[in-house]
Every structure is written in C-alpha cells, then in structure tokens.
Amino acid sequence: MPTRRVIIDHLTIGVSNFERSRRFYAQALEPLGFEEIGPWSDQHREISFGTKAEGDFGISEKYEVGGQVHIAFAADSKEQVKAFHAAALSAGGRDNGAPGPRPEYSEGYYGAFVLDPDGHNVEAVFHG
C-alpha cells in the first residue's frame, strides 16, 4: 500500500439503527481493505472500522444523528473506488455520484459517492 499522511486521527458518527449501519459499513468498506475492529467500550453501543491495527472510523448510538456528514475514505486504486461504490449500493446505500474523475477538486482525483442509511455522504477517493 502507498504511504500517505493522515490528517484525521479518527471520526465517529451517530447512527439511528446500529445494526443496519454496521452491516452497511462492513460491506461498503470491505473493498477498501477496512474491516470491523470492534467496540471501544463495555456498552457495545459503538463499533470501529479500519485496518487491522487502526480503528479510524466509528459508528455510535451514543451520538445523535444530526446534519449530514461527509466522510472520504482513501482508496489505493480506481478499482477500489469502483468496488466501494458497487458494495455500498449493494449494502443499501443510495448513489450520490458514480465512480469517475473529479478534475474540479484536483488533478488525478477519482472518487465515488453514496448516501448511507442516515443520509451521510460517504466517498471513496483515489489520488492518482
């Protein structure tokens, strides 16, 4: 995997239906090499996802579902972006931008967007 500087330590969003969102993110993030890491408290009202040692993204019933959040997950290739989009739609997400170049953002930007079960804008992006 390419080395990349990460500027966000972790991100947790509130969800309205924990199990529905858990299934959605497990399936949608699998093509990016992310997996379910587990809960970070004894109450098991939240769960993190990431690489084997890094739980960078979490969902929680402890936080209110509020305004729309935008989350961009890093992909290592255009193929991963396409696989993320397909997996997220299969998991119940709604299309919010098919995989493709986004030169309006920056040169080499290739992304895809879906809305998760709570309407959050979820993206996979490859900077090639």
Protein backbone atom coordinates (compact mmCIF):
# COMPACT_ATOMS: atom_id res chain seq x y z
CA MET A 1 0.00 0.00 0.00
CA PRO A 2 1.22 3.51 -0.69
CA THR A 3 2.27 5.62 2.27
CA ARG A 4 0.07 8.61 2.86
CA ARG A 5 -0.08 11.31 5.51
CA VAL A 6 -3.28 11.07 7.51
CA ILE A 7 -4.59 14.30 8.98
CA ILE A 8 -7.63 12.96 10.86
CA ASP A 9 -6.99 10.65 13.81
CA HIS A 10 -10.50 9.18 13.87
CA LEU A 11 -14.10 10.03 13.10
CA THR A 12 -17.29 8.77 14.75
CA ILE A 13 -20.81 9.47 13.54
CA GLY A 14 -24.15 8.92 15.22
CA VAL A 15 -26.48 6.39 13.59
CA SER A 16 -30.19 5.78 14.03
CA ASN A 17 -30.13 1.99 13.61
CA PHE A 18 -26.89 0.45 14.85
CA GLU A 19 -27.16 -2.99 13.22
CA ARG A 20 -28.33 -1.61 9.85
CA SER A 21 -25.42 0.84 9.76
CA ARG A 22 -22.98 -1.80 11.00
CA ARG A 23 -23.92 -4.09 8.08
CA PHE A 24 -23.78 -1.19 5.61
CA TYR A 25 -20.28 -0.06 6.59
CA ALA A 26 -18.89 -3.60 6.90
CA GLN A 27 -19.95 -4.34 3.33
CA ALA A 28 -19.20 -0.93 1.81
CA LEU A 29 -15.70 -0.60 3.33
CA GLU A 30 -14.52 -4.17 2.66
CA PRO A 31 -13.27 -3.36 -0.88
CA LEU A 32 -11.03 -0.65 0.64
CA GLY A 33 -9.36 -3.21 2.93
CA PHE A 34 -11.15 -1.95 6.06
CA GLU A 35 -12.74 -4.36 8.50
CA GLU A 36 -14.73 -4.25 11.70
CA ILE A 37 -12.32 -3.78 14.60
CA GLY A 38 -14.80 -3.94 17.47
CA PRO A 39 -16.37 -1.85 20.22
CA TRP A 40 -14.29 0.52 22.32
CA SER A 41 -16.40 0.30 25.48
CA ASP A 42 -18.19 -2.30 27.55
CA GLN A 43 -21.59 -0.99 26.48
CA HIS A 44 -21.09 -2.15 22.86
CA ARG A 45 -23.13 0.81 21.57
CA GLU A 46 -20.39 1.72 19.10
CA ILE A 47 -18.01 -0.05 16.76
CA SER A 48 -14.90 0.97 14.86
CA PHE A 49 -13.72 0.07 11.38
CA GLY A 50 -10.27 0.34 9.84
CA THR A 51 -7.17 -1.69 9.10
CA LYS A 52 -6.13 -4.49 11.46
CA ALA A 53 -4.42 -2.19 13.98
CA GLU A 54 -6.14 1.15 13.32
CA GLY A 55 -9.81 1.84 14.09
CA ASP A 56 -10.06 5.22 12.39
CA PHE A 57 -13.81 5.36 11.70
CA GLY A 58 -16.65 4.54 14.08
CA ILE A 59 -20.41 4.49 14.33
CA SER A 60 -22.26 5.01 17.60
CA GLU A 61 -25.73 5.00 19.07
CA LYS A 62 -24.41 7.31 21.80
CA TYR A 63 -24.25 10.26 19.40
CA GLU A 64 -27.33 11.93 17.96
CA VAL A 65 -27.97 11.72 14.27
CA GLY A 66 -27.70 15.31 13.15
CA GLY A 67 -26.87 17.15 10.00
CA GLN A 68 -25.31 15.46 7.04
CA VAL A 69 -21.67 14.46 7.44
CA HIS A 70 -19.18 13.97 4.60
CA ILE A 71 -16.66 11.15 5.03
CA ALA A 72 -13.94 10.47 2.44
CA PHE A 73 -12.15 7.13 2.73
CA ALA A 74 -8.78 6.75 0.98
CA ALA A 75 -8.56 4.13 -1.77
CA ASP A 76 -5.39 2.69 -3.26
CA SER A 77 -6.72 2.46 -6.84
CA LYS A 78 -9.56 3.37 -9.17
CA GLU A 79 -10.63 -0.27 -8.98
CA GLN A 80 -11.09 0.05 -5.21
CA VAL A 81 -13.22 3.17 -5.73
CA LYS A 82 -15.43 1.28 -8.18
CA ALA A 83 -15.67 -1.74 -5.84
CA PHE A 84 -16.57 0.51 -2.90
CA HIS A 85 -19.37 2.16 -4.90
CA ALA A 86 -20.81 -1.20 -6.00
CA ALA A 87 -20.56 -2.68 -2.50
CA ALA A 88 -22.14 0.37 -0.88
CA LEU A 89 -25.08 0.29 -3.31
CA SER A 90 -25.49 -3.44 -2.72
CA ALA A 91 -25.47 -2.77 1.04
CA GLY A 92 -28.42 -0.38 0.71
CA GLY A 93 -26.66 2.91 0.02
CA ARG A 94 -28.02 5.43 -2.48
CA ASP A 95 -25.93 6.68 -5.38
CA ASN A 96 -24.65 10.22 -4.91
CA GLY A 97 -22.01 10.26 -7.67
CA ALA A 98 -20.79 7.36 -9.81
CA PRO A 99 -17.08 6.49 -9.89
CA GLY A 100 -15.13 8.87 -12.07
CA PRO A 101 -12.60 11.66 -12.34
CA ARG A 102 -13.31 14.86 -10.45
CA PRO A 103 -10.93 17.41 -12.00
CA GLU A 104 -12.88 20.21 -10.33
CA TYR A 105 -11.39 19.02 -6.99
CA SER A 106 -7.81 18.41 -8.13
CA GLU A 107 -5.74 16.79 -10.84
CA GLY A 108 -5.81 12.99 -10.57
CA TYR A 109 -8.83 13.00 -8.20
CA TYR A 110 -11.01 9.91 -8.79
CA GLY A 111 -13.96 9.41 -6.49
CA ALA A 112 -17.38 7.88 -5.94
CA PHE A 113 -20.14 8.98 -3.56
CA VAL A 114 -23.04 7.24 -1.83
CA LEU A 115 -25.51 8.21 0.85
CA ASP A 116 -25.53 5.84 3.82
CA PRO A 117 -28.74 4.73 5.61
CA ASP A 118 -28.84 8.02 7.58
CA GLY A 119 -28.10 10.27 4.59
CA HIS A 120 -24.39 10.84 5.31
CA ASN A 121 -22.35 11.47 2.15
CA VAL A 122 -19.73 8.71 2.02
CA GLU A 123 -16.92 8.84 -0.53
CA ALA A 124 -14.01 6.68 -1.62
CA VAL A 125 -11.22 8.66 -3.31
CA PHE A 126 -8.03 7.75 -5.15
CA HIS A 127 -5.43 10.41 -5.84
CA GLY A 128 -3.63 9.10 -8.92
